């Protein structure tokens, strides 16, 4: 969901009778979960590279 989609979703909620504050909060809740899931999966995926201590691990450490 891009910024335009968040704004569109907020406008849809407002058109159903909610006030601006409630519409923004609901749109934020809808967008927060995918952001957190993407960030968490990226961090978990890069952890093995970041904490590697084996041979030639120093050249891969810059990636993580």
Protein backbone atom coordinates (compact mmCIF):
# COMPACT_ATOMS: atom_id res chain seq x y z
CA UNK A 1 0.00 0.00 0.00
CA UNK A 2 1.54 3.28 -1.09
CA UNK A 3 0.94 6.74 0.35
CA UNK A 4 -1.83 7.41 -2.18
CA UNK A 5 -3.58 4.22 -1.10
CA UNK A 6 -3.39 5.27 2.57
CA UNK A 7 -4.92 8.64 1.69
CA UNK A 8 -7.62 6.95 -0.40
CA UNK A 9 -8.40 4.56 2.45
CA UNK A 10 -8.61 7.49 4.86
CA UNK A 11 -11.00 9.29 2.53
CA UNK A 12 -13.14 6.15 2.19
CA UNK A 13 -13.42 5.84 5.96
CA UNK A 14 -14.32 9.53 6.23
CA UNK A 15 -17.01 9.13 3.58
CA UNK A 16 -18.60 6.43 5.77
CA UNK A 17 -19.10 8.99 8.53
CA UNK A 18 -15.94 8.87 10.66
CA UNK A 19 -14.12 12.00 11.67
CA UNK A 20 -10.63 12.79 10.38
CA UNK A 21 -8.81 11.61 13.52
CA UNK A 22 -10.48 8.18 13.57
CA UNK A 23 -9.98 7.73 9.82
CA UNK A 24 -6.25 8.50 10.06
CA UNK A 25 -5.83 6.13 13.03
CA UNK A 26 -7.61 3.31 11.17
CA UNK A 27 -5.55 3.86 8.02
CA UNK A 28 -2.37 3.86 10.10
CA UNK A 29 -3.32 0.57 11.73
CA UNK A 30 -3.93 -0.98 8.32
CA UNK A 31 -0.46 0.12 7.12
CA UNK A 32 1.58 -0.60 10.27
CA UNK A 33 1.40 -4.40 10.16
CA UNK A 34 2.91 -4.85 6.65
CA UNK A 35 5.70 -2.39 7.49
CA UNK A 36 6.58 -4.23 10.70
CA UNK A 37 6.44 -7.63 8.99
CA UNK A 38 8.77 -6.49 6.19
CA UNK A 39 11.23 -4.89 8.59
CA UNK A 40 11.29 -7.88 10.93
CA UNK A 41 11.84 -10.38 8.11
CA UNK A 42 14.70 -8.29 6.71
CA UNK A 43 16.39 -8.02 10.11
CA UNK A 44 16.01 -11.75 10.83
CA UNK A 45 17.29 -12.60 7.35
CA UNK A 46 20.43 -10.50 7.80
CA UNK A 47 21.26 -11.63 11.34
CA UNK A 48 23.30 -14.68 10.28
CA UNK A 49 25.43 -12.50 8.01
CA UNK A 50 25.89 -9.85 10.70
CA UNK A 51 26.97 -12.23 13.46
CA UNK A 52 29.04 -14.61 11.31
CA UNK A 53 32.49 -15.32 12.69
CA UNK A 54 33.83 -17.89 10.25
CA UNK A 55 36.34 -17.64 7.43
CA UNK A 56 35.90 -14.63 5.15
CA UNK A 57 33.05 -13.33 7.29
CA UNK A 58 34.63 -9.89 7.48
CA UNK A 59 34.01 -9.28 3.79
CA UNK A 60 30.31 -10.17 4.16
CA UNK A 61 29.80 -8.10 7.31
CA UNK A 62 29.45 -4.95 5.22
CA UNK A 63 26.32 -6.38 3.63
CA UNK A 64 24.55 -6.74 6.94
